[in-house]
N, C-alpha and C. Protein backbone atom coordinates (compact mmCIF):
# COMPACT_ATOMS: atom_id res chain seq x y z
N UNK A 1 0.70 -0.77 0.04
CA UNK A 1 0.71 -0.15 -0.47
C UNK A 1 0.85 1.10 -0.33
N UNK A 2 0.16 2.20 -0.59
CA UNK A 2 0.60 3.69 -0.87
C UNK A 2 1.26 3.70 0.45
N UNK A 3 1.95 4.43 0.97
CA UNK A 3 2.53 5.69 2.55
C UNK A 3 0.78 6.31 2.24
N UNK A 4 1.66 7.30 1.24
CA UNK A 4 0.03 8.62 1.64
C UNK A 4 -1.01 7.57 1.00
N UNK A 5 -1.49 6.66 0.87
CA UNK A 5 -2.88 6.31 1.50
C UNK A 5 -3.15 5.62 2.76
N UNK A 6 -1.84 5.05 3.19
CA UNK A 6 -1.61 4.73 4.27
C UNK A 6 -1.88 5.53 5.21
N UNK A 7 -1.57 7.23 5.84
CA UNK A 7 -0.99 7.99 6.30
C UNK A 7 -2.60 7.86 6.60
N UNK A 8 -3.59 8.49 4.64
CA UNK A 8 -4.66 8.61 4.69
C UNK A 8 -5.49 7.49 5.74
N UNK A 9 -5.90 6.39 5.45
CA UNK A 9 -6.75 5.67 6.16
C UNK A 9 -6.21 5.90 7.71
N UNK A 10 -5.07 6.13 8.08
CA UNK A 10 -4.78 5.85 9.43
C UNK A 10 -5.38 7.16 10.24
N UNK A 11 -5.46 7.92 9.36
CA UNK A 11 -5.84 9.61 9.82
C UNK A 11 -7.45 9.38 9.66
N UNK A 12 -8.29 9.08 9.07
CA UNK A 12 -9.63 8.48 8.81
C UNK A 12 -9.52 7.53 10.38
N UNK A 13 -9.25 6.70 10.18
CA UNK A 13 -9.29 5.72 11.47
C UNK A 13 -9.33 6.34 12.94
N UNK A 14 -8.24 7.51 13.19
CA UNK A 14 -8.08 8.05 14.22
C UNK A 14 -9.33 9.09 14.95
N UNK A 15 -9.82 9.76 13.50
CA UNK A 15 -11.00 10.80 13.72
C UNK A 15 -12.08 10.34 13.48
N UNK A 16 -12.59 8.26 13.04
CA UNK A 16 -13.58 7.94 13.34
C UNK A 16 -13.55 7.51 14.72
N UNK A 17 -12.52 7.43 15.17
CA UNK A 17 -12.45 6.58 16.98
C UNK A 17 -12.71 8.13 17.85
N UNK A 18 -12.49 9.26 17.26
CA UNK A 18 -12.60 10.02 18.13
C UNK A 18 -14.24 10.70 18.12
N UNK A 19 -14.47 10.60 17.21
CA UNK A 19 -15.63 10.76 16.70
C UNK A 19 -16.64 9.47 17.32
N UNK A 20 -16.82 8.50 17.78
CA UNK A 20 -17.30 7.63 18.51
C UNK A 20 -16.80 7.92 19.86
N UNK A 21 -15.92 8.43 20.38
CA UNK A 21 -15.86 7.92 21.67
C UNK A 21 -16.74 9.54 23.05
N UNK A 22 -17.40 9.88 21.70
CA UNK A 22 -17.60 11.76 22.36
C UNK A 22 -19.80 11.18 22.27
N UNK A 23 -19.79 12.11 23.49
CA UNK A 23 -20.88 11.57 24.03
C UNK A 23 -22.20 12.31 23.29
N UNK A 24 -21.40 12.87 22.48
CA UNK A 24 -22.96 13.30 22.46
C UNK A 24 -23.93 13.23 20.99
N UNK A 25 -24.77 13.03 20.65
CA UNK A 25 -25.59 12.02 19.57
C UNK A 25 -25.41 12.53 18.20
N UNK A 26 -25.17 13.85 17.93
CA UNK A 26 -25.05 13.48 16.83
C UNK A 26 -23.70 13.88 16.10
N UNK A 27 -23.70 14.23 15.19
CA UNK A 27 -22.65 15.06 14.35
C UNK A 27 -23.13 15.83 13.99
N UNK A 28 -21.91 17.07 14.01
CA UNK A 28 -22.34 18.79 13.52
C UNK A 28 -21.37 19.17 12.07
N UNK A 29 -21.79 20.10 11.79
CA UNK A 29 -21.51 20.28 9.88
C UNK A 29 -20.06 19.91 9.97
N UNK A 30 -19.43 20.47 10.94
CA UNK A 30 -18.00 20.71 10.53
C UNK A 30 -17.64 18.70 10.38
N UNK A 31 -17.84 18.09 11.92
CA UNK A 31 -17.57 17.05 11.75
C UNK A 31 -17.39 16.28 10.46
N UNK A 32 -19.10 16.31 10.33
CA UNK A 32 -18.97 15.90 8.26
C UNK A 32 -18.20 16.48 7.57
N UNK A 33 -17.90 17.13 7.23
CA UNK A 33 -17.09 18.67 6.51
C UNK A 33 -15.48 18.09 6.09
N UNK A 34 -14.96 17.31 7.40
CA UNK A 34 -13.90 16.83 7.95
C UNK A 34 -13.80 15.60 7.65
N UNK A 35 -15.14 14.13 7.77
CA UNK A 35 -15.25 12.65 7.10
C UNK A 35 -15.37 12.87 5.72
N UNK A 36 -16.14 14.29 4.49
CA UNK A 36 -15.84 13.96 3.30
C UNK A 36 -14.45 13.88 2.69
N UNK A 37 -13.96 15.38 3.11
CA UNK A 37 -12.58 15.70 2.61
C UNK A 37 -11.60 14.04 3.07
N UNK A 38 -11.85 14.49 4.36
CA UNK A 38 -10.72 12.65 4.08
C UNK A 38 -11.03 11.74 3.40
N UNK A 39 -12.79 10.99 2.96
CA UNK A 39 -12.98 10.46 1.52
C UNK A 39 -12.40 11.14 0.20
N UNK A 40 -12.63 12.08 0.32
CA UNK A 40 -12.29 12.83 -1.09
C UNK A 40 -10.71 13.04 -1.22
N UNK A 41 -9.87 12.86 -0.36
CA UNK A 41 -8.27 12.51 -0.67
C UNK A 41 -8.35 10.97 -0.98
N UNK A 42 -8.99 10.02 -0.23
CA UNK A 42 -8.40 8.81 -0.75
C UNK A 42 -8.82 8.71 -1.95
N UNK A 43 -9.77 9.05 -2.47
CA UNK A 43 -10.39 8.36 -3.86
C UNK A 43 -9.67 9.06 -4.64
N UNK A 44 -8.97 10.84 -4.72
CA UNK A 44 -8.26 11.52 -5.27
C UNK A 44 -7.50 10.46 -5.25
N UNK A 45 -6.54 10.05 -3.99
CA UNK A 45 -5.22 9.45 -3.98
C UNK A 45 -5.29 7.75 -4.82
N UNK A 46 -6.06 7.16 -4.66
CA UNK A 46 -6.52 6.05 -4.94
C UNK A 46 -6.50 6.21 -6.74
N UNK A 47 -7.59 7.41 -7.78
CA UNK A 47 -7.49 7.81 -8.86
C UNK A 47 -5.62 7.90 -9.09
N UNK A 48 -5.13 8.85 -8.25
CA UNK A 48 -4.01 9.54 -9.17
C UNK A 48 -2.91 7.88 -8.98
N UNK A 49 -3.39 7.05 -8.41
CA UNK A 49 -2.42 6.14 -8.41
C UNK A 49 -2.70 4.22 -9.43
N UNK A 50 -4.51 4.89 -9.16
CA UNK A 50 -4.58 3.73 -10.45
C UNK A 50 -5.38 4.16 -11.91
N UNK A 51 -5.33 5.52 -12.16
CA UNK A 51 -5.95 6.14 -12.80
C UNK A 51 -5.23 5.38 -14.18
N UNK A 52 -3.76 5.46 -14.58
CA UNK A 52 -3.24 4.41 -15.90
C UNK A 52 -3.30 3.80 -15.81
N UNK A 53 -3.39 2.30 -14.93
CA UNK A 53 -3.74 0.91 -14.93
C UNK A 53 -5.47 0.84 -15.67
N UNK A 54 -6.29 2.00 -14.76
CA UNK A 54 -7.60 1.88 -15.73
C UNK A 54 -7.75 2.07 -16.74
N UNK A 55 -7.36 3.09 -16.76
CA UNK A 55 -7.39 3.83 -18.65
C UNK A 55 -6.99 2.98 -19.58
N UNK A 56 -5.48 2.19 -18.74
CA UNK A 56 -5.27 1.55 -20.50
C UNK A 56 -5.82 0.08 -20.18
N UNK A 57 -6.66 -0.51 -19.06
CA UNK A 57 -7.49 -1.27 -18.89
C UNK A 57 -9.30 -1.36 -19.89
N UNK A 58 -9.34 -0.44 -19.82
CA UNK A 58 -10.28 0.43 -20.79
C UNK A 58 -9.77 0.26 -21.58
N UNK A 59 -9.47 1.03 -22.39
CA UNK A 59 -8.50 1.19 -23.94
C UNK A 59 -8.29 -0.17 -24.42
N UNK A 60 -7.75 -1.33 -23.49
CA UNK A 60 -7.54 -2.60 -23.87
C UNK A 60 -8.72 -3.27 -24.72
N UNK A 61 -10.39 -3.09 -24.26
CA UNK A 61 -10.88 -3.53 -23.81
C UNK A 61 -11.54 -3.00 -26.17
N UNK A 62 -11.39 -4.32 -26.35
CA UNK A 62 -12.24 -4.21 -27.54
C UNK A 62 -13.56 -4.94 -28.16
N UNK A 63 -14.65 -3.76 -28.14
CA UNK A 63 -15.79 -4.24 -28.38
C UNK A 63 -16.29 -4.02 -29.75
N UNK A 64 -17.02 -4.88 -30.35
CA UNK A 64 -17.35 -4.78 -31.46
C UNK A 64 -19.07 -5.21 -31.79
N UNK A 65 -19.89 -4.57 -32.07
CA UNK A 65 -21.50 -4.50 -32.00
C UNK A 65 -21.11 -5.09 -33.59
């Protein structure tokens, strides 16, 4: 696993752990924004890492009708 992806997943796990430890019932808008930003970072990292492979795979598919 790439070091960037590993660190993003670790940060996400720590954030989720902190959110679960709270005694409040609902998440605030800030917490949701942080979660969305972390997930977007993970998606961006995966697209950056796998984008070329996915593109070449799709280009290699030869569909004839």
